[in-house]
Amino acid sequence: MKATIFTILIVLAFSTFSNAQDKPVYEVKIITSIESIVPSGAGRSRLLSTDKELDYRKYTTKQTAASGDRNKSDRKEIRIKEYDETKMLNFFNVGGIRFQNIASNDALLMSKINQMLADGWDLAFVNTGVESYGGSDDSNGIYITRYLFKRIKPATTAMVNDSDKKE
């Protein structure tokens, strides 16, 4: 009886340890589209992405009631200069809304999303925001969409500790 209980405990312990080891480690990638909604086609529209990673902890301070230290990170340290920029077309031209431009942007986005899916990424979430054109006194306006992709990290990179990463 004791041998059976001992065997069951060993099997349970091993399966618990095994399940903890098999938990997948994910990586994420964000693709951002910024589409101008400035009249007369004066704005700029782009699709942006990067493979560069930053450690947010280096640029974060803890705010408490007792300590309100301001984050003094240098913007030059945060700014990424290695990114992909795909030109897109503006929603407006001199004649108003340009539906061909919207269809062209959709084709570019489909191409990027299809490539991400082919590369093993899964589209996990989409978030949009608008700062719209507010009439003749407002010359600003953008339509921004963020596409969040995720995939399981390959086993070779999933086991790297934070201290082993190169900056």
C-alpha atoms as a PDB file:
ATOM      1  CA  MET A   1       0.000   0.000   0.000  1.00  0.00           C
ATOM      2  CA  LYS A   2       2.812   2.420   0.915  1.00  0.00           C
ATOM      3  CA  ALA A   3       4.600   1.577  -2.340  1.00  0.00           C
ATOM      4  CA  THR A   4       1.446   2.377  -4.341  1.00  0.00           C
ATOM      5  CA  ILE A   5       0.937   5.723  -2.590  1.00  0.00           C
ATOM      6  CA  PHE A   6       4.631   6.544  -3.059  1.00  0.00           C
ATOM      7  CA  THR A   7       4.402   5.688  -6.770  1.00  0.00           C
ATOM      8  CA  ILE A   8       1.289   7.853  -7.206  1.00  0.00           C
ATOM      9  CA  LEU A   9       3.002  10.771  -5.454  1.00  0.00           C
ATOM     10  CA  ILE A  10       6.072  10.407  -7.694  1.00  0.00           C
ATOM     11  CA  VAL A  11       3.907  10.341 -10.834  1.00  0.00           C
ATOM     12  CA  LEU A  12       1.927  13.406  -9.682  1.00  0.00           C
ATOM     13  CA  ALA A  13       5.089  15.311  -8.839  1.00  0.00           C
ATOM     14  CA  PHE A  14       6.652  14.452 -12.193  1.00  0.00           C
ATOM     15  CA  SER A  15       3.519  15.417 -14.146  1.00  0.00           C
ATOM     16  CA  THR A  16       3.290  18.750 -12.275  1.00  0.00           C
ATOM     17  CA  PHE A  17       6.959  19.456 -13.015  1.00  0.00           C
ATOM     18  CA  SER A  18       6.506  18.369 -16.627  1.00  0.00           C
ATOM     19  CA  ASN A  19       3.472  20.652 -17.111  1.00  0.00           C
ATOM     20  CA  ALA A  20       5.395  23.623 -15.736  1.00  0.00           C
ATOM     21  CA  GLN A  21       8.222  22.942 -18.187  1.00  0.00           C
ATOM     22  CA  ASP A  22       5.860  22.607 -21.172  1.00  0.00           C
ATOM     23  CA  LYS A  23       4.167  25.970 -20.724  1.00  0.00           C
ATOM     24  CA  PRO A  24       4.815  27.941 -23.920  1.00  0.00           C
ATOM     25  CA  VAL A  25       6.690  31.223 -23.878  1.00  0.00           C
ATOM     26  CA  TYR A  26       5.213  33.807 -26.223  1.00  0.00           C
ATOM     27  CA  GLU A  27       6.676  36.757 -28.044  1.00  0.00           C
ATOM     28  CA  VAL A  28       4.626  39.624 -29.406  1.00  0.00           C
ATOM     29  CA  LYS A  29       4.980  42.022 -32.296  1.00  0.00           C
ATOM     30  CA  ILE A  30       3.015  45.196 -32.907  1.00  0.00           C
ATOM     31  CA  ILE A  31       2.348  46.624 -36.350  1.00  0.00           C
ATOM     32  CA  THR A  32       0.999  50.195 -36.420  1.00  0.00           C
ATOM     33  CA  SER A  33      -0.801  51.840 -39.317  1.00  0.00           C
ATOM     34  CA  ILE A  34      -1.217  55.603 -39.271  1.00  0.00           C
ATOM     35  CA  GLU A  35      -3.523  56.920 -41.958  1.00  0.00           C
ATOM     36  CA  SER A  36      -3.896  60.637 -42.526  1.00  0.00           C
ATOM     37  CA  ILE A  37      -7.348  62.135 -42.597  1.00  0.00           C
ATOM     38  CA  VAL A  38      -6.099  65.654 -43.336  1.00  0.00           C
ATOM     39  CA  PRO A  39      -8.007  67.306 -46.216  1.00  0.00           C
ATOM     40  CA  SER A  40      -6.242  67.930 -49.547  1.00  0.00           C
ATOM     41  CA  GLY A  41      -3.901  64.985 -49.017  1.00  0.00           C
ATOM     42  CA  ALA A  42      -1.418  67.073 -47.035  1.00  0.00           C
ATOM     43  CA  GLY A  43      -0.796  64.441 -44.341  1.00  0.00           C
ATOM     44  CA  ARG A  44       1.422  61.361 -44.259  1.00  0.00           C
ATOM     45  CA  SER A  45       0.263  57.761 -43.927  1.00  0.00           C
ATOM     46  CA  ARG A  46       2.559  54.899 -42.945  1.00  0.00           C
ATOM     47  CA  LEU A  47       2.702  51.293 -41.796  1.00  0.00           C
ATOM     48  CA  LEU A  48       5.381  50.856 -39.103  1.00  0.00           C
ATOM     49  CA  SER A  49       7.026  47.865 -37.445  1.00  0.00           C
ATOM     50  CA  THR A  50      10.311  47.001 -35.749  1.00  0.00           C
ATOM     51  CA  ASP A  51      12.206  43.945 -34.608  1.00  0.00           C
ATOM     52  CA  LYS A  52      14.146  46.023 -32.061  1.00  0.00           C
ATOM     53  CA  GLU A  53      13.280  45.357 -28.426  1.00  0.00           C
ATOM     54  CA  LEU A  54      13.512  47.761 -25.513  1.00  0.00           C
ATOM     55  CA  ASP A  55      13.343  46.821 -21.844  1.00  0.00           C
ATOM     56  CA  TYR A  56      10.568  49.012 -20.430  1.00  0.00           C
ATOM     57  CA  ARG A  57      12.026  48.586 -16.914  1.00  0.00           C
ATOM     58  CA  LYS A  58      14.986  50.809 -17.815  1.00  0.00           C
ATOM     59  CA  TYR A  59      12.581  53.701 -18.461  1.00  0.00           C
ATOM     60  CA  THR A  60      10.125  53.147 -15.608  1.00  0.00           C
ATOM     61  CA  THR A  61      10.013  54.715 -12.158  1.00  0.00           C
ATOM     62  CA  LYS A  62       7.788  53.641  -9.285  1.00  0.00           C
ATOM     63  CA  GLN A  63       5.353  56.384  -8.229  1.00  0.00           C
ATOM     64  CA  THR A  64       4.131  56.290  -4.636  1.00  0.00           C
ATOM     65  CA  ALA A  65       2.572  58.733  -2.196  1.00  0.00           C
ATOM     66  CA  ALA A  66       5.927  59.016  -0.426  1.00  0.00           C
ATOM     67  CA  SER A  67       8.087  59.220  -3.543  1.00  0.00           C
ATOM     68  CA  GLY A  68       7.150  61.034  -6.715  1.00  0.00           C
ATOM     69  CA  ASP A  69      10.482  60.815  -8.507  1.00  0.00           C
ATOM     70  CA  ARG A  70      10.205  61.963 -12.083  1.00  0.00           C
ATOM     71  CA  ASN A  71      11.429  59.604 -14.772  1.00  0.00           C
ATOM     72  CA  LYS A  72      14.639  61.160 -16.056  1.00  0.00           C
ATOM     73  CA  SER A  73      15.267  58.772 -18.953  1.00  0.00           C
ATOM     74  CA  ASP A  74      16.934  60.378 -21.946  1.00  0.00           C
ATOM     75  CA  ARG A  75      14.608  60.336 -24.949  1.00  0.00           C
ATOM     76  CA  LYS A  76      17.565  59.536 -27.196  1.00  0.00           C
ATOM     77  CA  GLU A  77      17.991  56.208 -25.369  1.00  0.00           C
ATOM     78  CA  ILE A  78      14.358  55.272 -25.992  1.00  0.00           C
ATOM     79  CA  ARG A  79      14.057  56.388 -29.619  1.00  0.00           C
ATOM     80  CA  ILE A  80      14.384  53.524 -32.108  1.00  0.00           C
ATOM     81  CA  LYS A  81      15.970  54.290 -35.448  1.00  0.00           C
ATOM     82  CA  GLU A  82      15.770  50.735 -36.831  1.00  0.00           C
ATOM     83  CA  TYR A  83      12.250  50.156 -38.109  1.00  0.00           C
ATOM     84  CA  ASP A  84      10.327  49.294 -41.247  1.00  0.00           C
ATOM     85  CA  GLU A  85       8.270  52.090 -42.773  1.00  0.00           C
ATOM     86  CA  THR A  86       5.820  51.301 -45.566  1.00  0.00           C
ATOM     87  CA  LYS A  87       4.336  54.259 -47.385  1.00  0.00           C
ATOM     88  CA  MET A  88       0.554  54.297 -47.484  1.00  0.00           C
ATOM     89  CA  LEU A  89      -1.872  56.676 -49.157  1.00  0.00           C
ATOM     90  CA  ASN A  90      -3.878  59.401 -47.449  1.00  0.00           C
ATOM     91  CA  PHE A  91      -7.652  59.060 -47.061  1.00  0.00           C
ATOM     92  CA  PHE A  92      -8.237  62.512 -48.548  1.00  0.00           C
ATOM     93  CA  ASN A  93      -7.075  64.289 -51.675  1.00  0.00           C
ATOM     94  CA  VAL A  94      -8.100  67.647 -53.139  1.00  0.00           C
ATOM     95  CA  GLY A  95     -11.484  66.210 -54.196  1.00  0.00           C
ATOM     96  CA  GLY A  96     -12.340  64.704 -50.764  1.00  0.00           C
ATOM     97  CA  ILE A  97     -12.316  61.084 -49.636  1.00  0.00           C
ATOM     98  CA  ARG A  98     -10.264  58.956 -52.038  1.00  0.00           C
ATOM     99  CA  PHE A  99     -11.748  55.451 -51.958  1.00  0.00           C
ATOM    100  CA  GLN A 100      -8.997  54.073 -54.220  1.00  0.00           C
ATOM    101  CA  ASN A 101      -6.460  55.122 -51.581  1.00  0.00           C
ATOM    102  CA  ILE A 102      -8.387  53.280 -48.872  1.00  0.00           C
ATOM    103  CA  ALA A 103      -8.528  50.135 -51.050  1.00  0.00           C
ATOM    104  CA  SER A 104      -4.779  50.462 -51.749  1.00  0.00           C
ATOM    105  CA  ASN A 105      -4.031  50.749 -48.024  1.00  0.00           C
ATOM    106  CA  ASP A 106      -6.185  47.669 -47.381  1.00  0.00           C
ATOM    107  CA  ALA A 107      -4.132  45.738 -49.973  1.00  0.00           C
ATOM    108  CA  LEU A 108      -0.886  46.800 -48.266  1.00  0.00           C
ATOM    109  CA  LEU A 109      -2.235  45.807 -44.850  1.00  0.00           C
ATOM    110  CA  MET A 110      -3.446  42.437 -46.162  1.00  0.00           C
ATOM    111  CA  SER A 111      -0.007  41.803 -47.631  1.00  0.00           C
ATOM    112  CA  LYS A 112       1.698  42.591 -44.307  1.00  0.00           C
ATOM    113  CA  ILE A 113      -0.785  40.541 -42.250  1.00  0.00           C
ATOM    114  CA  ASN A 114      -0.571  37.583 -44.652  1.00  0.00           C
ATOM    115  CA  GLN A 115       3.235  37.686 -44.415  1.00  0.00           C
ATOM    116  CA  MET A 116       3.056  37.772 -40.606  1.00  0.00           C
ATOM    117  CA  LEU A 117       0.716  34.762 -40.615  1.00  0.00           C
ATOM    118  CA  ALA A 118       3.036  32.921 -43.025  1.00  0.00           C
ATOM    119  CA  ASP A 119       5.918  33.666 -40.629  1.00  0.00           C
ATOM    120  CA  GLY A 120       4.072  31.875 -37.816  1.00  0.00           C
ATOM    121  CA  TRP A 121       2.478  34.858 -36.065  1.00  0.00           C
ATOM    122  CA  ASP A 122      -1.154  34.797 -34.890  1.00  0.00           C
ATOM    123  CA  LEU A 123      -3.223  37.983 -34.935  1.00  0.00           C
ATOM    124  CA  ALA A 124      -4.221  38.333 -31.282  1.00  0.00           C
ATOM    125  CA  PHE A 125      -5.801  41.777 -31.032  1.00  0.00           C
ATOM    126  CA  VAL A 126      -6.575  44.923 -33.025  1.00  0.00           C
ATOM    127  CA  ASN A 127      -7.019  48.370 -31.472  1.00  0.00           C
ATOM    128  CA  THR A 128      -7.976  51.590 -33.254  1.00  0.00           C
ATOM    129  CA  GLY A 129      -8.102  55.271 -32.433  1.00  0.00           C
ATOM    130  CA  VAL A 130      -9.024  58.438 -34.290  1.00  0.00           C
ATOM    131  CA  GLU A 131      -8.151  62.090 -33.967  1.00  0.00           C
ATOM    132  CA  SER A 132     -10.524  63.257 -36.622  1.00  0.00           C
ATOM    133  CA  TYR A 133     -10.681  66.347 -38.733  1.00  0.00           C
ATOM    134  CA  GLY A 134     -12.806  68.934 -36.923  1.00  0.00           C
ATOM    135  CA  GLY A 135     -13.590  71.451 -39.655  1.00  0.00           C
ATOM    136  CA  SER A 136     -11.870  74.423 -41.267  1.00  0.00           C
ATOM    137  CA  ASP A 137     -10.081  75.483 -38.067  1.00  0.00           C
ATOM    138  CA  ASP A 138      -8.623  71.999 -37.496  1.00  0.00           C
ATOM    139  CA  SER A 139      -5.970  70.811 -39.947  1.00  0.00           C
ATOM    140  CA  ASN A 140      -5.091  67.686 -37.961  1.00  0.00           C
ATOM    141  CA  GLY A 141      -6.393  64.174 -38.233  1.00  0.00           C
ATOM    142  CA  ILE A 142      -5.090  60.610 -38.055  1.00  0.00           C
ATOM    143  CA  TYR A 143      -6.581  57.162 -37.951  1.00  0.00           C
ATOM    144  CA  ILE A 144      -4.264  54.799 -36.079  1.00  0.00           C
ATOM    145  CA  THR A 145      -4.583  51.030 -35.836  1.00  0.00           C
ATOM    146  CA  ARG A 146      -2.366  48.704 -33.832  1.00  0.00           C
ATOM    147  CA  TYR A 147      -2.225  45.035 -34.772  1.00  0.00           C
ATOM    148  CA  LEU A 148      -0.863  42.842 -31.966  1.00  0.00           C
ATOM    149  CA  PHE A 149       0.543  39.507 -33.090  1.00  0.00           C
ATOM    150  CA  LYS A 150       1.822  36.676 -30.920  1.00  0.00           C
ATOM    151  CA  ARG A 151       3.629  33.402 -31.464  1.00  0.00           C
ATOM    152  CA  ILE A 152       5.340  30.795 -29.365  1.00  0.00           C
ATOM    153  CA  LYS A 153       9.024  31.592 -29.024  1.00  0.00           C
ATOM    154  CA  PRO A 154      11.294  29.026 -30.608  1.00  0.00           C
ATOM    155  CA  ALA A 155      12.808  26.713 -27.987  1.00  0.00           C
ATOM    156  CA  THR A 156      16.317  28.037 -28.589  1.00  0.00           C
ATOM    157  CA  THR A 157      15.411  31.595 -27.571  1.00  0.00           C
ATOM    158  CA  ALA A 158      12.703  30.800 -25.026  1.00  0.00           C
ATOM    159  CA  MET A 159      15.251  29.552 -22.509  1.00  0.00           C
ATOM    160  CA  VAL A 160      17.382  32.725 -22.482  1.00  0.00           C
ATOM    161  CA  ASN A 161      17.411  34.541 -19.146  1.00  0.00           C
ATOM    162  CA  ASP A 162      17.013  38.331 -18.970  1.00  0.00           C
ATOM    163  CA  SER A 163      20.613  38.589 -17.753  1.00  0.00           C
ATOM    164  CA  ASP A 164      21.806  36.741 -20.881  1.00  0.00           C
ATOM    165  CA  LYS A 165      20.192  39.192 -23.326  1.00  0.00           C
ATOM    166  CA  LYS A 166      22.451  41.599 -25.131  1.00  0.00           C
ATOM    167  CA  GLU A 167      21.398  45.240 -25.278  1.00  0.00           C
END
